[in-house]
Amino acid sequence: MNNTLERLQSESEIRAVLAGYCRALDRMDKPAAYAVWHPDGTALYHDIFEGTGHGFVDWVWDAHAGMERHSHQISQSVIAVNGDVARSETYITVSLWMLPNADGARQEIVSRGRYLDRWSRREGRWAIDHREHVLDMQTLHQLVPGYVSQVSARDYSDPSFNYL
């Protein structure tokens, strides 16, 4: 395989890991979320968390359990591959629906930022060695929900598990 094909293959595999991370968080699939990081991988989410990648997953699990819904999306990624190591910058948007407060009011938090990731391929598998999350902006809104699908679920009952 020539260098261009190898690079494109690596970029494709990294994009799949990034997409899988968002899916793992939204479906609350903890083993899939752990798999995004190498076991010795680290995470720095400024003002939120600093530690291991698996420790971040544990932290976010507790935080997400106290929310009604959440949705994570990635958009453009710039990926630089050099053999079995890579670096990437990926733009993200996260929408979090908080549970009602004591007055019954509900809030939505929308965050926009970037994942700055260092990757390595070990035993044929790309995973994160270190992630730095940069929050670019965040908005808070009073939440007035519209239609909410009763099919969508944050667990293995979600229909997507029948397809993937």
N, C-alpha and C. Protein backbone atom coordinates (compact mmCIF):
# COMPACT_ATOMS: atom_id res chain seq x y z
N MET A 1 0.86 -1.18 0.00
CA MET A 1 0.00 0.00 0.00
C MET A 1 0.90 1.24 0.00
N ASN A 2 0.55 2.23 -0.80
CA ASN A 2 1.40 3.42 -0.84
C ASN A 2 1.05 4.35 0.32
N ASN A 3 1.90 5.36 0.52
CA ASN A 3 1.74 6.27 1.67
C ASN A 3 0.39 6.99 1.69
N THR A 4 -0.10 7.41 0.51
CA THR A 4 -1.38 8.12 0.46
C THR A 4 -2.52 7.21 0.93
N LEU A 5 -2.55 5.99 0.46
CA LEU A 5 -3.60 5.07 0.89
C LEU A 5 -3.50 4.74 2.37
N GLU A 6 -2.30 4.56 2.87
CA GLU A 6 -2.11 4.29 4.31
C GLU A 6 -2.58 5.47 5.15
N ARG A 7 -2.26 6.69 4.72
CA ARG A 7 -2.69 7.88 5.45
C ARG A 7 -4.21 8.00 5.43
N LEU A 8 -4.82 7.80 4.26
CA LEU A 8 -6.28 7.88 4.17
C LEU A 8 -6.96 6.81 5.02
N GLN A 9 -6.39 5.62 5.04
CA GLN A 9 -6.93 4.53 5.87
C GLN A 9 -6.85 4.93 7.35
N SER A 10 -5.73 5.48 7.76
CA SER A 10 -5.56 5.90 9.16
C SER A 10 -6.53 7.02 9.51
N GLU A 11 -6.67 8.01 8.63
CA GLU A 11 -7.61 9.10 8.88
C GLU A 11 -9.03 8.57 9.02
N SER A 12 -9.41 7.65 8.16
CA SER A 12 -10.74 7.05 8.23
C SER A 12 -10.96 6.32 9.54
N GLU A 13 -9.97 5.59 9.99
CA GLU A 13 -10.08 4.85 11.25
C GLU A 13 -10.20 5.82 12.43
N ILE A 14 -9.45 6.91 12.40
CA ILE A 14 -9.52 7.91 13.48
C ILE A 14 -10.88 8.58 13.48
N ARG A 15 -11.41 8.94 12.31
CA ARG A 15 -12.75 9.53 12.24
C ARG A 15 -13.81 8.58 12.81
N ALA A 16 -13.66 7.30 12.56
CA ALA A 16 -14.60 6.32 13.09
C ALA A 16 -14.53 6.26 14.63
N VAL A 17 -13.34 6.39 15.19
CA VAL A 17 -13.20 6.41 16.65
C VAL A 17 -13.88 7.66 17.21
N LEU A 18 -13.67 8.80 16.57
CA LEU A 18 -14.29 10.05 17.03
C LEU A 18 -15.82 9.94 17.01
N ALA A 19 -16.38 9.41 15.92
CA ALA A 19 -17.83 9.25 15.83
C ALA A 19 -18.32 8.25 16.87
N GLY A 20 -17.56 7.19 17.06
CA GLY A 20 -17.94 6.18 18.05
C GLY A 20 -17.95 6.73 19.47
N TYR A 21 -17.07 7.69 19.73
CA TYR A 21 -17.05 8.32 21.06
C TYR A 21 -18.36 9.05 21.34
N CYS A 22 -18.81 9.85 20.36
CA CYS A 22 -20.07 10.58 20.55
C CYS A 22 -21.22 9.61 20.74
N ARG A 23 -21.27 8.57 19.94
CA ARG A 23 -22.32 7.57 20.08
C ARG A 23 -22.25 6.90 21.44
N ALA A 24 -21.07 6.55 21.88
CA ALA A 24 -20.93 5.87 23.18
C ALA A 24 -21.45 6.74 24.31
N LEU A 25 -21.16 8.05 24.27
CA LEU A 25 -21.66 8.94 25.32
C LEU A 25 -23.18 9.05 25.27
N ASP A 26 -23.72 9.24 24.09
CA ASP A 26 -25.17 9.45 23.98
C ASP A 26 -25.98 8.20 24.26
N ARG A 27 -25.43 7.04 23.98
CA ARG A 27 -26.14 5.79 24.26
C ARG A 27 -25.73 5.20 25.61
N MET A 28 -24.86 5.91 26.32
CA MET A 28 -24.37 5.47 27.63
C MET A 28 -23.78 4.05 27.55
N ASP A 29 -22.92 3.85 26.54
CA ASP A 29 -22.24 2.58 26.31
C ASP A 29 -20.81 2.73 26.83
N LYS A 30 -20.65 2.44 28.11
CA LYS A 30 -19.38 2.71 28.78
C LYS A 30 -18.20 1.94 28.19
N PRO A 31 -18.33 0.64 27.89
CA PRO A 31 -17.18 -0.06 27.28
C PRO A 31 -16.73 0.59 25.97
N ALA A 32 -17.68 1.04 25.16
CA ALA A 32 -17.31 1.71 23.90
C ALA A 32 -16.62 3.04 24.18
N ALA A 33 -17.05 3.76 25.21
CA ALA A 33 -16.40 5.03 25.56
C ALA A 33 -14.98 4.79 26.07
N TYR A 34 -14.78 3.77 26.88
CA TYR A 34 -13.43 3.45 27.35
C TYR A 34 -12.51 3.14 26.17
N ALA A 35 -13.04 2.46 25.14
CA ALA A 35 -12.22 1.99 24.02
C ALA A 35 -11.62 3.13 23.20
N VAL A 36 -12.13 4.34 23.35
CA VAL A 36 -11.61 5.49 22.61
C VAL A 36 -10.19 5.82 23.05
N TRP A 37 -9.88 5.57 24.32
CA TRP A 37 -8.56 5.85 24.86
C TRP A 37 -7.76 4.56 24.99
N HIS A 38 -6.44 4.69 24.83
CA HIS A 38 -5.57 3.61 25.26
C HIS A 38 -5.66 3.54 26.78
N PRO A 39 -5.41 2.39 27.40
CA PRO A 39 -5.53 2.29 28.86
C PRO A 39 -4.71 3.32 29.62
N ASP A 40 -3.58 3.77 29.06
CA ASP A 40 -2.76 4.78 29.74
C ASP A 40 -3.02 6.19 29.20
N GLY A 41 -4.09 6.36 28.42
CA GLY A 41 -4.43 7.66 27.84
C GLY A 41 -4.88 8.65 28.90
N THR A 42 -4.69 9.92 28.60
CA THR A 42 -5.03 10.99 29.55
C THR A 42 -5.98 11.99 28.92
N ALA A 43 -6.61 12.78 29.79
CA ALA A 43 -7.59 13.77 29.34
C ALA A 43 -7.45 15.04 30.15
N LEU A 44 -7.51 16.17 29.46
CA LEU A 44 -7.53 17.48 30.09
C LEU A 44 -8.72 18.25 29.52
N TYR A 45 -9.76 18.37 30.33
CA TYR A 45 -10.92 19.19 30.00
C TYR A 45 -10.82 20.38 30.94
N HIS A 46 -10.29 21.48 30.43
CA HIS A 46 -9.99 22.64 31.27
C HIS A 46 -11.16 23.01 32.17
N ASP A 47 -10.86 23.28 33.43
CA ASP A 47 -11.83 23.69 34.44
C ASP A 47 -12.88 22.63 34.76
N ILE A 48 -12.74 21.42 34.19
CA ILE A 48 -13.72 20.37 34.43
C ILE A 48 -13.06 19.11 34.97
N PHE A 49 -12.01 18.62 34.25
CA PHE A 49 -11.41 17.33 34.61
C PHE A 49 -9.99 17.27 34.09
N GLU A 50 -9.12 16.65 34.87
CA GLU A 50 -7.76 16.31 34.44
C GLU A 50 -7.41 14.97 35.05
N GLY A 51 -7.02 14.01 34.20
CA GLY A 51 -6.68 12.68 34.70
C GLY A 51 -6.61 11.70 33.55
N THR A 52 -6.97 10.46 33.82
CA THR A 52 -6.91 9.44 32.78
C THR A 52 -8.15 9.53 31.88
N GLY A 53 -8.03 8.99 30.69
CA GLY A 53 -9.18 8.94 29.79
C GLY A 53 -10.31 8.12 30.39
N HIS A 54 -9.97 6.98 30.98
CA HIS A 54 -11.00 6.15 31.61
C HIS A 54 -11.59 6.87 32.82
N GLY A 55 -10.78 7.63 33.53
CA GLY A 55 -11.29 8.43 34.64
C GLY A 55 -12.26 9.49 34.17
N PHE A 56 -11.99 10.08 33.00
CA PHE A 56 -12.93 11.06 32.45
C PHE A 56 -14.25 10.39 32.11
N VAL A 57 -14.20 9.22 31.50
CA VAL A 57 -15.44 8.50 31.18
C VAL A 57 -16.23 8.26 32.46
N ASP A 58 -15.58 7.84 33.53
CA ASP A 58 -16.28 7.63 34.81
C ASP A 58 -16.90 8.93 35.30
N TRP A 59 -16.15 10.03 35.20
CA TRP A 59 -16.66 11.33 35.65
C TRP A 59 -17.87 11.75 34.84
N VAL A 60 -17.78 11.63 33.51
CA VAL A 60 -18.88 12.07 32.65
C VAL A 60 -20.11 11.17 32.83
N TRP A 61 -19.89 9.90 33.17
CA TRP A 61 -21.02 9.00 33.40
C TRP A 61 -21.87 9.51 34.56
N ASP A 62 -21.22 9.89 35.63
CA ASP A 62 -21.95 10.43 36.78
C ASP A 62 -22.67 11.73 36.40
N ALA A 63 -21.99 12.60 35.66
CA ALA A 63 -22.60 13.87 35.26
C ALA A 63 -23.79 13.64 34.34
N HIS A 64 -23.65 12.77 33.35
CA HIS A 64 -24.73 12.53 32.39
C HIS A 64 -25.91 11.79 33.03
N ALA A 65 -25.65 10.99 34.04
CA ALA A 65 -26.74 10.27 34.71
C ALA A 65 -27.73 11.25 35.33
N GLY A 66 -27.25 12.44 35.69
CA GLY A 66 -28.11 13.45 36.30
C GLY A 66 -28.76 14.39 35.29
N MET A 67 -28.78 13.99 34.02
CA MET A 67 -29.39 14.81 32.97
C MET A 67 -30.51 14.02 32.31
N GLU A 68 -31.43 14.77 31.72
CA GLU A 68 -32.53 14.10 31.02
C GLU A 68 -32.08 13.54 29.68
N ARG A 69 -31.36 14.34 28.91
CA ARG A 69 -30.88 13.93 27.59
C ARG A 69 -29.59 14.68 27.28
N HIS A 70 -28.84 14.15 26.32
CA HIS A 70 -27.65 14.83 25.83
C HIS A 70 -27.37 14.35 24.42
N SER A 71 -26.72 15.23 23.65
CA SER A 71 -26.40 14.91 22.26
C SER A 71 -25.05 15.52 21.93
N HIS A 72 -24.15 14.69 21.45
CA HIS A 72 -22.79 15.10 21.09
C HIS A 72 -22.61 14.95 19.58
N GLN A 73 -22.13 16.01 18.93
CA GLN A 73 -21.85 15.94 17.50
C GLN A 73 -20.43 16.43 17.24
N ILE A 74 -19.83 15.82 16.24
CA ILE A 74 -18.55 16.31 15.75
C ILE A 74 -18.76 16.83 14.34
N SER A 75 -17.94 17.79 13.96
CA SER A 75 -18.01 18.27 12.58
C SER A 75 -16.63 18.10 11.97
N GLN A 76 -16.04 19.14 11.45
CA GLN A 76 -14.79 18.97 10.72
C GLN A 76 -13.64 18.55 11.64
N SER A 77 -12.79 17.73 11.07
CA SER A 77 -11.58 17.29 11.75
C SER A 77 -10.40 17.54 10.82
N VAL A 78 -9.33 18.03 11.39
CA VAL A 78 -8.05 18.11 10.69
C VAL A 78 -7.17 17.05 11.35
N ILE A 79 -6.69 16.12 10.55
CA ILE A 79 -5.93 14.99 11.07
C ILE A 79 -4.58 14.93 10.37
N ALA A 80 -3.52 14.87 11.16
CA ALA A 80 -2.16 14.74 10.62
C ALA A 80 -1.60 13.40 11.08
N VAL A 81 -1.35 12.52 10.13
CA VAL A 81 -0.86 11.17 10.43
C VAL A 81 0.61 11.09 10.06
N ASN A 82 1.40 10.47 10.95
CA ASN A 82 2.81 10.23 10.69
C ASN A 82 3.12 8.82 11.17
N GLY A 83 2.94 7.84 10.27
CA GLY A 83 3.16 6.45 10.64
C GLY A 83 2.11 5.97 11.64
N ASP A 84 2.58 5.57 12.82
CA ASP A 84 1.68 5.04 13.85
C ASP A 84 1.31 6.08 14.90
N VAL A 85 1.54 7.36 14.63
CA VAL A 85 1.10 8.43 15.52
C VAL A 85 0.34 9.46 14.68
N ALA A 86 -0.53 10.19 15.36
CA ALA A 86 -1.32 11.21 14.66
C ALA A 86 -1.73 12.27 15.66
N ARG A 87 -2.15 13.40 15.13
CA ARG A 87 -2.72 14.50 15.91
C ARG A 87 -3.97 14.97 15.18
N SER A 88 -4.95 15.43 15.94
CA SER A 88 -6.16 15.92 15.29
C SER A 88 -6.77 17.06 16.09
N GLU A 89 -7.52 17.89 15.35
CA GLU A 89 -8.35 18.92 15.94
C GLU A 89 -9.75 18.69 15.38
N THR A 90 -10.72 18.48 16.27
CA THR A 90 -12.08 18.16 15.86
C THR A 90 -13.04 19.11 16.54
N TYR A 91 -13.90 19.75 15.75
CA TYR A 91 -14.90 20.65 16.30
C TYR A 91 -16.08 19.85 16.84
N ILE A 92 -16.61 20.29 17.98
CA ILE A 92 -17.70 19.56 18.64
C ILE A 92 -18.80 20.52 19.08
N THR A 93 -20.01 19.99 19.15
CA THR A 93 -21.14 20.67 19.75
C THR A 93 -21.82 19.67 20.68
N VAL A 94 -22.10 20.11 21.89
CA VAL A 94 -22.75 19.26 22.88
C VAL A 94 -23.99 19.99 23.40
N SER A 95 -25.12 19.31 23.39
CA SER A 95 -26.35 19.85 23.94
C SER A 95 -26.76 18.98 25.13
N LEU A 96 -26.98 19.62 26.27
CA LEU A 96 -27.32 18.91 27.51
C LEU A 96 -28.66 19.42 28.03
N TRP A 97 -29.60 18.53 28.24
CA TRP A 97 -30.88 18.90 28.86
C TRP A 97 -30.81 18.54 30.33
N MET A 98 -30.88 19.56 31.15
CA MET A 98 -30.81 19.36 32.59
C MET A 98 -32.19 18.92 33.10
N LEU A 99 -32.20 18.21 34.22
CA LEU A 99 -33.46 17.84 34.86
C LEU A 99 -34.11 19.09 35.46
N PRO A 100 -35.42 19.09 35.64
CA PRO A 100 -36.09 20.27 36.21
C PRO A 100 -35.53 20.60 37.60
N ASN A 101 -35.42 21.91 37.89
CA ASN A 101 -35.00 22.32 39.23
C ASN A 101 -36.20 22.29 40.17
N ALA A 102 -36.03 22.77 41.39
CA ALA A 102 -37.10 22.72 42.40
C ALA A 102 -38.36 23.46 41.94
N ASP A 103 -38.19 24.48 41.11
CA ASP A 103 -39.34 25.24 40.60
C ASP A 103 -39.93 24.63 39.33
N GLY A 104 -39.36 23.55 38.86
CA GLY A 104 -39.83 22.91 37.63
C GLY A 104 -39.22 23.49 36.37
N ALA A 105 -38.39 24.52 36.51
CA ALA A 105 -37.74 25.13 35.34
C ALA A 105 -36.67 24.17 34.81
N ARG A 106 -36.50 24.20 33.51
CA ARG A 106 -35.52 23.33 32.87
C ARG A 106 -34.58 24.18 32.04
N GLN A 107 -33.36 23.68 31.90
CA GLN A 107 -32.32 24.44 31.20
C GLN A 107 -31.62 23.54 30.19
N GLU A 108 -31.23 24.14 29.08
CA GLU A 108 -30.39 23.47 28.10
C GLU A 108 -29.05 24.19 28.07
N ILE A 109 -27.98 23.41 28.08
CA ILE A 109 -26.63 23.95 27.94
C ILE A 109 -26.11 23.50 26.58
N VAL A 110 -25.65 24.45 25.78
CA VAL A 110 -25.06 24.13 24.48
C VAL A 110 -23.62 24.61 24.51
N SER A 111 -22.70 23.68 24.31
CA SER A 111 -21.27 23.98 24.32
C SER A 111 -20.68 23.72 22.95
N ARG A 112 -19.79 24.60 22.54
CA ARG A 112 -19.08 24.42 21.29
C ARG A 112 -17.59 24.53 21.58
N GLY A 113 -16.85 23.59 21.06
CA GLY A 113 -15.42 23.60 21.34
C GLY A 113 -14.69 22.66 20.41
N ARG A 114 -13.52 22.24 20.87
CA ARG A 114 -12.65 21.39 20.05
C ARG A 114 -11.96 20.33 20.89
N TYR A 115 -11.78 19.17 20.28
CA TYR A 115 -10.95 18.12 20.85
C TYR A 115 -9.59 18.22 20.16
N LEU A 116 -8.55 18.39 20.92
CA LEU A 116 -7.18 18.35 20.42
C LEU A 116 -6.59 17.03 20.90
N ASP A 117 -6.45 16.09 19.98
CA ASP A 117 -6.09 14.72 20.35
C ASP A 117 -4.73 14.32 19.80
N ARG A 118 -4.00 13.57 20.64
CA ARG A 118 -2.78 12.86 20.20
C ARG A 118 -3.15 11.39 20.18
N TRP A 119 -2.85 10.73 19.08
CA TRP A 119 -3.24 9.35 18.82
C TRP A 119 -2.02 8.47 18.63
N SER A 120 -2.21 7.19 18.85
CA SER A 120 -1.23 6.21 18.39
C SER A 120 -1.97 4.94 17.99
N ARG A 121 -1.32 4.23 17.06
CA ARG A 121 -1.86 2.94 16.63
C ARG A 121 -1.03 1.87 17.33
N ARG A 122 -1.70 1.11 18.16
CA ARG A 122 -1.04 0.02 18.89
C ARG A 122 -1.77 -1.27 18.57
N GLU A 123 -1.00 -2.28 18.20
CA GLU A 123 -1.57 -3.57 17.84
C GLU A 123 -2.70 -3.40 16.82
N GLY A 124 -2.47 -2.48 15.87
CA GLY A 124 -3.41 -2.27 14.78
C GLY A 124 -4.63 -1.44 15.11
N ARG A 125 -4.71 -0.85 16.31
CA ARG A 125 -5.89 -0.11 16.72
C ARG A 125 -5.53 1.32 17.09
N TRP A 126 -6.21 2.30 16.46
CA TRP A 126 -6.02 3.71 16.80
C TRP A 126 -6.83 4.04 18.04
N ALA A 127 -6.20 4.75 18.98
CA ALA A 127 -6.88 5.24 20.18
C ALA A 127 -6.13 6.47 20.68
N ILE A 128 -6.76 7.18 21.58
CA ILE A 128 -6.22 8.45 22.07
C ILE A 128 -5.17 8.22 23.15
N ASP A 129 -4.02 8.90 22.98
CA ASP A 129 -3.01 8.95 24.03
C ASP A 129 -3.28 10.12 24.98
N HIS A 130 -3.69 11.25 24.40
CA HIS A 130 -4.01 12.43 25.22
C HIS A 130 -5.03 13.29 24.49
N ARG A 131 -6.03 13.74 25.24
CA ARG A 131 -7.02 14.68 24.70
C ARG A 131 -7.00 15.95 25.53
N GLU A 132 -6.98 17.08 24.83
CA GLU A 132 -7.20 18.38 25.47
C GLU A 132 -8.49 18.94 24.88
N HIS A 133 -9.43 19.24 25.73
CA HIS A 133 -10.70 19.82 25.30
C HIS A 133 -10.63 21.33 25.50
N VAL A 134 -10.93 22.07 24.45
CA VAL A 134 -10.95 23.53 24.51
C VAL A 134 -12.40 23.97 24.30
N LEU A 135 -12.97 24.63 25.30
CA LEU A 135 -14.32 25.16 25.19
C LEU A 135 -14.25 26.54 24.57
N ASP A 136 -14.85 26.71 23.40
CA ASP A 136 -14.83 28.00 22.72
C ASP A 136 -15.96 28.91 23.16
N MET A 137 -17.15 28.33 23.38
CA MET A 137 -18.29 29.13 23.82
C MET A 137 -19.36 28.21 24.38
N GLN A 138 -20.20 28.80 25.22
CA GLN A 138 -21.28 28.03 25.83
C GLN A 138 -22.48 28.95 26.02
N THR A 139 -23.66 28.43 25.77
CA THR A 139 -24.89 29.18 26.01
C THR A 139 -25.81 28.39 26.91
N LEU A 140 -26.61 29.11 27.68
CA LEU A 140 -27.62 28.51 28.56
C LEU A 140 -28.97 29.03 28.10
N HIS A 141 -29.92 28.15 27.99
CA HIS A 141 -31.25 28.53 27.53
C HIS A 141 -32.30 27.95 28.47
N GLN A 142 -33.39 28.67 28.64
CA GLN A 142 -34.54 28.05 29.29
C GLN A 142 -35.06 27.01 28.31
N LEU A 143 -35.31 25.83 28.79
CA LEU A 143 -35.71 24.73 27.93
C LEU A 143 -37.22 24.60 27.90
N VAL A 144 -37.76 24.67 26.71
CA VAL A 144 -39.17 24.38 26.47
C VAL A 144 -39.16 23.27 25.43
N PRO A 145 -39.20 22.01 25.87
CA PRO A 145 -39.05 20.90 24.93
C PRO A 145 -40.18 20.85 23.91
N GLY A 146 -39.82 20.47 22.71
CA GLY A 146 -40.80 20.17 21.69
C GLY A 146 -41.02 18.67 21.69
N TYR A 147 -41.19 18.12 20.52
CA TYR A 147 -41.38 16.68 20.40
C TYR A 147 -40.12 15.94 20.86
N VAL A 148 -40.30 14.90 21.62
CA VAL A 148 -39.19 14.06 22.07
C VAL A 148 -39.55 12.62 21.75
N SER A 149 -38.72 11.97 20.97
CA SER A 149 -38.97 10.59 20.59
C SER A 149 -38.94 9.67 21.80
N GLN A 150 -39.92 8.81 21.89
CA GLN A 150 -39.94 7.81 22.96
C GLN A 150 -39.11 6.58 22.59
N VAL A 151 -38.63 6.55 21.35
CA VAL A 151 -37.82 5.43 20.89
C VAL A 151 -36.36 5.63 21.28
N SER A 152 -35.89 6.87 21.23
CA SER A 152 -34.51 7.19 21.57
C SER A 152 -34.25 6.85 23.03
N ALA A 153 -33.15 6.16 23.30
CA ALA A 153 -32.84 5.76 24.67
C ALA A 153 -31.35 5.89 24.93
N ARG A 154 -31.02 6.17 26.20
CA ARG A 154 -29.61 6.29 26.60
C ARG A 154 -29.13 4.96 27.17
N ASP A 155 -29.46 3.88 26.53
CA ASP A 155 -29.02 2.56 26.98
C ASP A 155 -29.14 1.58 25.82
N TYR A 156 -28.95 0.29 26.10
CA TYR A 156 -28.93 -0.72 25.06
C TYR A 156 -30.29 -1.00 24.45
N SER A 157 -31.36 -0.36 24.97
CA SER A 157 -32.67 -0.52 24.35
C SER A 157 -32.84 0.39 23.13
N ASP A 158 -31.90 1.31 22.89
CA ASP A 158 -31.96 2.18 21.73
C ASP A 158 -31.90 1.33 20.46
N PRO A 159 -32.74 1.64 19.45
CA PRO A 159 -32.75 0.82 18.23
C PRO A 159 -31.40 0.70 17.52
N SER A 160 -30.50 1.66 17.72
CA SER A 160 -29.22 1.60 17.02
C SER A 160 -28.42 0.33 17.35
N PHE A 161 -28.65 -0.23 18.53
CA PHE A 161 -27.91 -1.44 18.90
C PHE A 161 -28.33 -2.64 18.05
N ASN A 162 -29.50 -2.57 17.40
CA ASN A 162 -29.94 -3.62 16.48
C ASN A 162 -29.30 -3.49 15.12
N TYR A 163 -28.67 -2.32 14.86
CA TYR A 163 -28.10 -2.07 13.53
C TYR A 163 -26.59 -2.11 13.50
N LEU A 164 -25.96 -1.74 14.60
CA LEU A 164 -24.49 -1.64 14.60
C LEU A 164 -23.86 -2.75 15.40
